[in-house]
Amino acid sequence: MSQEDRFVDIEIKLAHQEDLVETLNDTIYRQGRRIDQLEALVASLVDHVRTLQSTRQGPVNEKPPHY
């Protein structure tokens, strides 16, 4: 294998690695955005549940009137 062939192989491998790094960075970026969205959703649901609990009337385990 000549030195030129070795350089070509190295350049090909480097190009593949650069593409892989770019793909991984994009994936991490999208996952980070999705995590932010999910955290906001969880916070909203927690607030909603707290609001429902604070406006509740009567005992929690009260049996329905037909018992």
Foldseek 3Di string as FASTA:
>chain_A
DDPVVVVVVVVVVVVVVVVVVVVVVVVVVVVVVVVVVVVVVVVVVVVVVVVVVVPDDDDPPDDDPVD
